[in-house]
C-alpha cells in the first residue's frame, strides 16, 4: 500500500506496515507509485491510452505483489502487507479482464 499514504502521513503508514529504516526509500517508492498513477490517468484520452494504462497497471501491480509474496514469508515486511497482496491481486484481475483498446472482454464479446 504505497502511493500517497506514506507521503501524506508516514506515521500511520508505519503503524500498519511496520517502521522503515530508510524513510527516503519509502518516500521514493510512494512518489514512483504516484507517478505511475498519474501516467495512467494521462494516457487514457489518446487512442493508445487504455493499452498503455493497462501495461503500467499490470506491471506495477505484479511488481508490488511479488514484493509482498517474497518478503512477508522472509519476515522482512509485516504480514499486514498480505492485505496489499490481496489488493494487487484484485488490480491484476481487473487489468487482465480489460481489453487493451478499452472496456472489458465481456463487453467486447457482447458486441459481436
Protein backbone atom coordinates (compact mmCIF):
# COMPACT_ATOMS: atom_id res chain seq x y z
CA UNK A 1 0.00 0.00 0.00
CA UNK A 2 2.14 2.82 -1.22
CA UNK A 3 1.39 5.86 -3.22
CA UNK A 4 0.22 8.91 -1.36
CA UNK A 5 -0.25 7.37 2.09
CA UNK A 6 3.42 7.35 3.20
CA UNK A 7 3.88 10.79 1.67
CA UNK A 8 0.91 12.29 3.49
CA UNK A 9 1.14 10.50 6.85
CA UNK A 10 4.21 8.29 7.28
CA UNK A 11 3.49 7.63 10.96
CA UNK A 12 0.13 5.91 10.31
CA UNK A 13 1.58 4.06 7.33
CA UNK A 14 4.37 2.68 9.51
CA UNK A 15 1.90 1.82 12.28
CA UNK A 16 0.11 -0.52 9.85
CA UNK A 17 3.00 -1.83 7.77
CA UNK A 18 5.89 -1.50 10.20
CA UNK A 19 8.64 1.01 10.82
CA UNK A 20 11.02 1.70 7.97
CA UNK A 21 14.75 2.16 8.43
CA UNK A 22 15.14 4.07 5.18
CA UNK A 23 12.43 6.72 5.11
CA UNK A 24 13.87 8.18 1.92
CA UNK A 25 13.28 4.81 0.19
CA UNK A 26 9.67 4.67 1.39
CA UNK A 27 9.04 8.20 0.13
CA UNK A 28 10.74 7.42 -3.19
CA UNK A 29 8.56 4.33 -3.63
CA UNK A 30 5.46 6.36 -2.84
CA UNK A 31 6.46 9.03 -5.34
CA UNK A 32 7.08 6.40 -8.04
CA UNK A 33 3.64 4.88 -7.43
CA UNK A 34 2.01 8.31 -7.64
CA UNK A 35 3.91 8.92 -10.89
CA UNK A 36 2.68 5.61 -12.33
CA UNK A 37 -0.90 6.50 -11.42
CA UNK A 38 -0.60 9.94 -12.99
CA UNK A 39 0.88 8.39 -16.15
CA UNK A 40 -2.13 6.06 -16.34
CA UNK A 41 -4.53 8.96 -16.00
CA UNK A 42 -2.65 10.99 -18.61
CA UNK A 43 -2.57 8.05 -21.04
CA UNK A 44 -6.33 7.48 -21.02
CA UNK A 45 -7.51 10.13 -23.54
CA UNK A 46 -5.41 9.04 -26.56
CA UNK A 47 -6.19 6.17 -28.94
CA UNK A 48 -3.44 4.01 -27.41
CA UNK A 49 -4.13 5.31 -23.90
CA UNK A 50 -6.08 2.36 -22.49
CA UNK A 51 -3.43 -0.12 -23.66
CA UNK A 52 -0.66 2.00 -22.13
CA UNK A 53 -2.57 2.41 -18.86
CA UNK A 54 -3.13 -1.36 -18.78
CA UNK A 55 0.59 -2.08 -19.23
CA UNK A 56 1.55 0.36 -16.49
CA UNK A 57 -1.14 -1.00 -14.18
CA UNK A 58 -0.23 -4.65 -14.73
CA UNK A 59 3.48 -4.02 -14.34
CA UNK A 60 3.02 -2.03 -11.16
CA UNK A 61 0.59 -4.49 -9.57
CA UNK A 62 2.70 -7.54 -10.49
CA UNK A 63 5.82 -5.92 -9.03
CA UNK A 64 4.10 -4.98 -5.77
CA UNK A 65 2.52 -8.44 -5.49
CA UNK A 66 5.93 -10.09 -5.98
CA UNK A 67 7.46 -7.93 -3.22
CA UNK A 68 4.65 -8.86 -0.82
CA UNK A 69 4.82 -12.58 -1.59
CA UNK A 70 8.61 -12.78 -1.36
CA UNK A 71 9.29 -10.59 1.67
CA UNK A 72 6.40 -11.44 4.01
CA UNK A 73 7.49 -15.12 4.28
CA UNK A 74 11.10 -13.99 4.82
CA UNK A 75 9.97 -11.80 7.71
CA UNK A 76 11.36 -8.64 6.09
CA UNK A 77 7.94 -6.96 5.96
CA UNK A 78 4.88 -7.40 8.18
CA UNK A 79 2.12 -9.90 7.46
CA UNK A 80 -0.24 -6.92 7.10
CA UNK A 81 1.38 -6.49 3.70
CA UNK A 82 -0.63 -9.54 2.62
CA UNK A 83 -3.62 -7.17 2.59
CA UNK A 84 -1.73 -5.24 -0.07
CA UNK A 85 -1.10 -8.53 -1.90
CA UNK A 86 -4.87 -9.09 -1.99
CA UNK A 87 -5.41 -5.57 -3.34
CA UNK A 88 -2.75 -6.10 -6.02
CA UNK A 89 -4.35 -9.43 -6.98
CA UNK A 90 -7.62 -7.57 -7.47
CA UNK A 91 -5.92 -4.98 -9.68
CA UNK A 92 -4.23 -7.71 -11.74
CA UNK A 93 -7.55 -9.48 -12.20
CA UNK A 94 -9.23 -6.24 -13.25
CA UNK A 95 -6.47 -5.33 -15.72
CA UNK A 96 -6.45 -8.84 -17.21
CA UNK A 97 -10.21 -8.68 -17.76
CA UNK A 98 -9.84 -5.34 -19.51
CA UNK A 99 -9.24 -5.19 -23.24
CA UNK A 100 -6.23 -3.14 -24.38
CA UNK A 101 -8.45 -0.99 -26.62
CA UNK A 102 -10.69 -0.09 -23.68
CA UNK A 103 -13.58 -1.72 -21.90
CA UNK A 104 -13.76 -5.30 -20.72
CA UNK A 105 -13.51 -8.59 -22.55
CA UNK A 106 -17.12 -9.38 -21.61
CA UNK A 107 -18.34 -6.09 -23.08
CA UNK A 108 -16.40 -6.74 -26.29
CA UNK A 109 -17.83 -10.26 -26.65
CA UNK A 110 -21.33 -8.84 -26.28
CA UNK A 111 -20.77 -6.50 -29.25
CA UNK A 112 -20.17 -9.35 -31.72
